[in-house]
Every structure is written in structure tokens, then in C-alpha cells.
Amino acid sequence: RSELQHTCRQMEAVGRIFMESSATLEVAMATPEKTILQDGDSCTVTRGTHTGKSGVVRDIHASRSGNITITVVQPSGERFKTLARNVLRVP
């Protein structure tokens, strides 16, 4: 019984550490400002597969899981899809 109690205490301690570290991670990952993208905005991709590409925002879509995807059309006419959180609007 004492071994089981010891294991339970260790699990509680790990859970507290996880909760504290995940809250810190959540704060660290929060963006400083919310950018609202609209159809026709110029943008640059800052993260993900298409990092460094830029173009015009088209076809904004919210998935069932809550992710917002956009289609970006480059000046050459080439299109690609990316997550809106990976994009910064260019003024």
C-alpha cells in the first residue's frame, strides 16, 4: 500500500509540473496581436512548409476542428493552401 501511495504522489507532482509548464508554453506561443485576414489582403507566410512565400489571400475556410485555412495566390498565378496562423498580413 505504501508503494502505491508513493506512486500516486509522484504522478500528482508530475501532473502539477506539466500543468505549470503547459501554461508557460501557451503564454510563450501566444501571438502579440490578432491579425484579421480578409479576402484580397497581401500576405507573407512566416512559418510552415511555404515559409517565405507571399501573395494575395483567397478562399478563407474554417474547418470542423477549428483551424482556419487560406489559399494564397502568388504573383505568378501559383496557388497554395496554408494555415492562417502561419501568415502575416502585409500593409
C-alpha atoms as a PDB file:
ATOM      1  CA  ARG A   1       0.000   0.000   0.000  1.00  0.00           C
ATOM      2  CA  SER A   2       2.751   2.496   0.787  1.00  0.00           C
ATOM      3  CA  GLU A   3       4.330   1.813  -2.601  1.00  0.00           C
ATOM      4  CA  LEU A   4       1.036   2.636  -4.300  1.00  0.00           C
ATOM      5  CA  GLN A   5       0.680   5.847  -2.277  1.00  0.00           C
ATOM      6  CA  HIS A   6       4.225   6.849  -3.224  1.00  0.00           C
ATOM      7  CA  THR A   7       3.476   6.255  -6.926  1.00  0.00           C
ATOM      8  CA  CYS A   8       0.274   8.315  -6.685  1.00  0.00           C
ATOM      9  CA  ARG A   9       2.175  11.205  -5.085  1.00  0.00           C
ATOM     10  CA  GLN A  10       4.777  11.077  -7.856  1.00  0.00           C
ATOM     11  CA  MET A  11       2.037  11.152 -10.501  1.00  0.00           C
ATOM     12  CA  GLU A  12       0.391  14.156  -8.810  1.00  0.00           C
ATOM     13  CA  ALA A  13       3.737  16.002  -8.771  1.00  0.00           C
ATOM     14  CA  VAL A  14       4.325  15.261 -12.453  1.00  0.00           C
ATOM     15  CA  GLY A  15       0.793  16.468 -13.249  1.00  0.00           C
ATOM     16  CA  ARG A  16       1.412  19.777 -11.440  1.00  0.00           C
ATOM     17  CA  ILE A  17       4.717  20.282 -13.269  1.00  0.00           C
ATOM     18  CA  PHE A  18       3.033  19.524 -16.599  1.00  0.00           C
ATOM     19  CA  MET A  19       0.202  21.974 -15.905  1.00  0.00           C
ATOM     20  CA  GLU A  20       2.655  24.732 -14.968  1.00  0.00           C
ATOM     21  CA  SER A  21       4.900  24.133 -17.981  1.00  0.00           C
ATOM     22  CA  SER A  22       1.998  23.891 -20.432  1.00  0.00           C
ATOM     23  CA  ALA A  23       0.591  27.204 -19.161  1.00  0.00           C
ATOM     24  CA  THR A  24       4.002  28.800 -19.676  1.00  0.00           C
ATOM     25  CA  LEU A  25       4.239  27.284 -23.161  1.00  0.00           C
ATOM     26  CA  GLU A  26       0.775  28.553 -24.013  1.00  0.00           C
ATOM     27  CA  VAL A  27       1.737  32.091 -22.992  1.00  0.00           C
ATOM     28  CA  ALA A  28       5.026  31.892 -24.904  1.00  0.00           C
ATOM     29  CA  MET A  29       3.267  30.760 -28.082  1.00  0.00           C
ATOM     30  CA  ALA A  30       0.540  33.413 -27.944  1.00  0.00           C
ATOM     31  CA  THR A  31       0.835  35.968 -30.701  1.00  0.00           C
ATOM     32  CA  PRO A  32       1.269  39.583 -29.588  1.00  0.00           C
ATOM     33  CA  GLU A  33      -1.647  40.779 -31.684  1.00  0.00           C
ATOM     34  CA  LYS A  34      -4.517  39.160 -33.521  1.00  0.00           C
ATOM     35  CA  THR A  35      -4.348  39.713 -37.262  1.00  0.00           C
ATOM     36  CA  ILE A  36      -7.617  39.549 -39.133  1.00  0.00           C
ATOM     37  CA  LEU A  37      -7.115  38.365 -42.686  1.00  0.00           C
ATOM     38  CA  GLN A  38      -9.634  39.222 -45.354  1.00  0.00           C
ATOM     39  CA  ASP A  39     -10.029  38.070 -48.912  1.00  0.00           C
ATOM     40  CA  GLY A  40      -7.744  40.198 -51.100  1.00  0.00           C
ATOM     41  CA  ASP A  41      -5.154  41.078 -48.407  1.00  0.00           C
ATOM     42  CA  SER A  42      -1.478  40.826 -49.294  1.00  0.00           C
ATOM     43  CA  CYS A  43       0.378  38.430 -47.011  1.00  0.00           C
ATOM     44  CA  THR A  44       3.661  36.675 -46.301  1.00  0.00           C
ATOM     45  CA  VAL A  45       3.996  33.159 -44.895  1.00  0.00           C
ATOM     46  CA  THR A  46       6.221  33.149 -41.792  1.00  0.00           C
ATOM     47  CA  ARG A  47       6.005  29.507 -40.678  1.00  0.00           C
ATOM     48  CA  GLY A  48       5.381  26.078 -42.136  1.00  0.00           C
ATOM     49  CA  THR A  49       6.060  24.450 -45.475  1.00  0.00           C
ATOM     50  CA  HIS A  50       5.589  27.639 -47.509  1.00  0.00           C
ATOM     51  CA  THR A  51       7.800  29.925 -45.369  1.00  0.00           C
ATOM     52  CA  GLY A  52       8.989  32.967 -47.322  1.00  0.00           C
ATOM     53  CA  LYS A  53       6.299  32.834 -50.000  1.00  0.00           C
ATOM     54  CA  SER A  54       3.918  35.745 -50.428  1.00  0.00           C
ATOM     55  CA  GLY A  55       0.782  36.582 -52.344  1.00  0.00           C
ATOM     56  CA  VAL A  56      -2.878  37.508 -52.023  1.00  0.00           C
ATOM     57  CA  VAL A  57      -5.301  35.797 -49.618  1.00  0.00           C
ATOM     58  CA  ARG A  58      -8.179  33.920 -51.270  1.00  0.00           C
ATOM     59  CA  ASP A  59     -10.712  31.325 -50.087  1.00  0.00           C
ATOM     60  CA  ILE A  60     -10.756  31.591 -46.267  1.00  0.00           C
ATOM     61  CA  HIS A  61     -12.197  28.444 -44.699  1.00  0.00           C
ATOM     62  CA  ALA A  62     -12.745  27.314 -41.090  1.00  0.00           C
ATOM     63  CA  SER A  63     -12.537  23.546 -40.645  1.00  0.00           C
ATOM     64  CA  ARG A  64     -14.651  21.499 -38.238  1.00  0.00           C
ATOM     65  CA  SER A  65     -11.658  21.201 -35.914  1.00  0.00           C
ATOM     66  CA  GLY A  66     -11.361  24.991 -35.712  1.00  0.00           C
ATOM     67  CA  ASN A  67      -8.310  25.542 -37.915  1.00  0.00           C
ATOM     68  CA  ILE A  68      -8.583  28.396 -40.394  1.00  0.00           C
ATOM     69  CA  THR A  69      -7.093  27.616 -43.785  1.00  0.00           C
ATOM     70  CA  ILE A  70      -6.488  30.048 -46.596  1.00  0.00           C
ATOM     71  CA  THR A  71      -5.492  29.820 -50.215  1.00  0.00           C
ATOM     72  CA  VAL A  72      -2.682  32.178 -51.204  1.00  0.00           C
ATOM     73  CA  VAL A  73      -2.268  33.169 -54.853  1.00  0.00           C
ATOM     74  CA  GLN A  74       1.274  34.178 -55.784  1.00  0.00           C
ATOM     75  CA  PRO A  75       2.012  36.864 -58.416  1.00  0.00           C
ATOM     76  CA  SER A  76       2.933  34.058 -60.845  1.00  0.00           C
ATOM     77  CA  GLY A  77      -0.604  32.650 -60.504  1.00  0.00           C
ATOM     78  CA  GLU A  78       0.517  29.631 -58.496  1.00  0.00           C
ATOM     79  CA  ARG A  79      -1.746  28.745 -55.555  1.00  0.00           C
ATOM     80  CA  PHE A  80      -1.088  27.007 -52.239  1.00  0.00           C
ATOM     81  CA  LYS A  81      -3.035  26.352 -49.071  1.00  0.00           C
ATOM     82  CA  THR A  82      -1.734  27.147 -45.589  1.00  0.00           C
ATOM     83  CA  LEU A  83      -2.986  27.773 -42.076  1.00  0.00           C
ATOM     84  CA  ALA A  84      -3.949  31.368 -41.343  1.00  0.00           C
ATOM     85  CA  ARG A  85      -1.873  31.317 -38.129  1.00  0.00           C
ATOM     86  CA  ASN A  86       1.281  30.918 -40.270  1.00  0.00           C
ATOM     87  CA  VAL A  87       0.621  34.123 -42.215  1.00  0.00           C
ATOM     88  CA  LEU A  88       1.248  37.820 -41.565  1.00  0.00           C
ATOM     89  CA  ARG A  89      -0.746  40.486 -43.351  1.00  0.00           C
ATOM     90  CA  VAL A  90       1.416  42.927 -45.337  1.00  0.00           C
ATOM     91  CA  PRO A  91       0.112  46.517 -45.168  1.00  0.00           C
END
